[in-house]
C-alpha atoms as a PDB file:
ATOM      1  CA  MET A   1      -8.150 -55.455 -16.310  1.00  0.00           C
ATOM      2  CA  LYS A   2      -6.519 -58.001 -13.768  1.00  0.00           C
ATOM      3  CA  THR A   3      -7.040 -61.663 -14.654  1.00  0.00           C
ATOM      4  CA  THR A   4      -7.000 -64.345 -11.929  1.00  0.00           C
ATOM      5  CA  LYS A   5      -5.586 -67.827 -13.073  1.00  0.00           C
ATOM      6  CA  ARG A   6      -7.364 -70.691 -12.457  1.00  0.00           C
ATOM      7  CA  LYS A   7      -6.304 -73.345 -10.214  1.00  0.00           C
ATOM      8  CA  ILE A   8      -6.370 -76.624 -11.417  1.00  0.00           C
ATOM      9  CA  GLY A   9      -6.064 -80.118  -9.622  1.00  0.00           C
ATOM     10  CA  ILE A  10      -5.634 -83.228 -11.968  1.00  0.00           C
ATOM     11  CA  ILE A  11      -6.125 -86.480 -10.804  1.00  0.00           C
ATOM     12  CA  GLY A  12      -4.650 -89.485 -13.165  1.00  0.00           C
ATOM     13  CA  PHE A  13      -1.734 -87.488 -14.740  1.00  0.00           C
ATOM     14  CA  GLY A  14      -1.072 -90.356 -17.610  1.00  0.00           C
ATOM     15  CA  ASN A  15       0.189 -90.057 -21.092  1.00  0.00           C
ATOM     16  CA  TRP A  16      -3.232 -88.785 -22.276  1.00  0.00           C
ATOM     17  CA  VAL A  17      -2.726 -85.540 -19.941  1.00  0.00           C
ATOM     18  CA  ILE A  18       0.735 -85.157 -20.511  1.00  0.00           C
ATOM     19  CA  GLN A  19       0.470 -85.283 -24.449  1.00  0.00           C
ATOM     20  CA  THR A  20      -2.865 -83.693 -24.886  1.00  0.00           C
ATOM     21  CA  TYR A  21      -4.147 -81.408 -21.924  1.00  0.00           C
ATOM     22  CA  LEU A  22      -0.511 -80.352 -20.433  1.00  0.00           C
ATOM     23  CA  PRO A  23       0.458 -78.210 -24.062  1.00  0.00           C
ATOM     24  CA  ILE A  24      -3.124 -76.847 -24.118  1.00  0.00           C
ATOM     25  CA  LEU A  25      -2.599 -75.430 -20.374  1.00  0.00           C
ATOM     26  CA  LYS A  26       0.718 -74.088 -20.930  1.00  0.00           C
ATOM     27  CA  GLU A  27      -0.184 -72.384 -24.049  1.00  0.00           C
ATOM     28  CA  LEU A  28      -3.298 -70.936 -22.391  1.00  0.00           C
ATOM     29  CA  ASP A  29      -1.735 -69.029 -19.664  1.00  0.00           C
ATOM     30  CA  THR A  30      -5.285 -68.534 -17.828  1.00  0.00           C
ATOM     31  CA  SER A  31      -4.440 -71.336 -15.671  1.00  0.00           C
ATOM     32  CA  ILE A  32      -2.205 -72.978 -13.157  1.00  0.00           C
ATOM     33  CA  ILE A  33      -1.621 -76.609 -12.117  1.00  0.00           C
ATOM     34  CA  LYS A  34      -1.671 -76.617  -8.247  1.00  0.00           C
ATOM     35  CA  SER A  35      -2.335 -80.445  -7.551  1.00  0.00           C
ATOM     36  CA  VAL A  36      -1.731 -83.589  -9.251  1.00  0.00           C
ATOM     37  CA  ALA A  37      -2.277 -87.390  -8.307  1.00  0.00           C
ATOM     38  CA  CYS A  38      -0.419 -89.959 -10.033  1.00  0.00           C
ATOM     39  CA  ARG A  39      -0.706 -93.706  -9.620  1.00  0.00           C
ATOM     40  CA  SER A  40       2.829 -95.123 -10.010  1.00  0.00           C
ATOM     41  CA  SER A  41       6.188 -93.859  -8.573  1.00  0.00           C
ATOM     42  CA  LEU A  42       7.532 -93.804 -12.114  1.00  0.00           C
ATOM     43  CA  THR A  43       4.648 -91.264 -13.129  1.00  0.00           C
ATOM     44  CA  LEU A  44       5.562 -89.116  -9.924  1.00  0.00           C
ATOM     45  CA  LYS A  45       9.131 -88.686 -11.128  1.00  0.00           C
ATOM     46  CA  LYS A  46       8.123 -87.703 -14.550  1.00  0.00           C
ATOM     47  CA  THR A  47       5.311 -85.292 -13.116  1.00  0.00           C
ATOM     48  CA  GLU A  48       8.024 -83.355 -11.241  1.00  0.00           C
ATOM     49  CA  SER A  49       9.644 -82.000 -14.285  1.00  0.00           C
ATOM     50  CA  LEU A  50       6.541 -81.237 -16.225  1.00  0.00           C
ATOM     51  CA  VAL A  51       4.417 -79.036 -13.519  1.00  0.00           C
ATOM     52  CA  PRO A  52       5.742 -75.993 -11.602  1.00  0.00           C
ATOM     53  CA  LYS A  53       7.632 -76.717  -8.491  1.00  0.00           C
ATOM     54  CA  GLU A  54       4.804 -75.157  -6.343  1.00  0.00           C
ATOM     55  CA  CYS A  55       2.743 -78.116  -7.495  1.00  0.00           C
ATOM     56  CA  PHE A  56       1.494 -80.469  -4.899  1.00  0.00           C
ATOM     57  CA  ILE A  57       1.921 -83.902  -5.957  1.00  0.00           C
ATOM     58  CA  THR A  58       0.867 -87.142  -4.470  1.00  0.00           C
ATOM     59  CA  ASN A  59      -0.473 -90.867  -5.157  1.00  0.00           C
ATOM     60  CA  ASP A  60      -3.564 -90.465  -3.280  1.00  0.00           C
ATOM     61  CA  TRP A  61      -6.281 -89.045  -5.191  1.00  0.00           C
ATOM     62  CA  ILE A  62      -8.703 -88.365  -2.353  1.00  0.00           C
ATOM     63  CA  VAL A  63      -6.319 -85.051  -1.195  1.00  0.00           C
ATOM     64  CA  VAL A  64      -6.259 -83.489  -4.524  1.00  0.00           C
END
């Protein structure tokens, strides 16, 4: 049976998400992070190394 991965958008990619949700999502392998909204430019840079290259990263939470 073919399973489709769930597409997830995350608003607020701070330490809580990085330390708690991200490891769980990577372990489950049933979803893929498609977009992320971060508040600061420092978090934007950190996010680039933690999510797939295809992920849309922005600081505008309205477009996620």
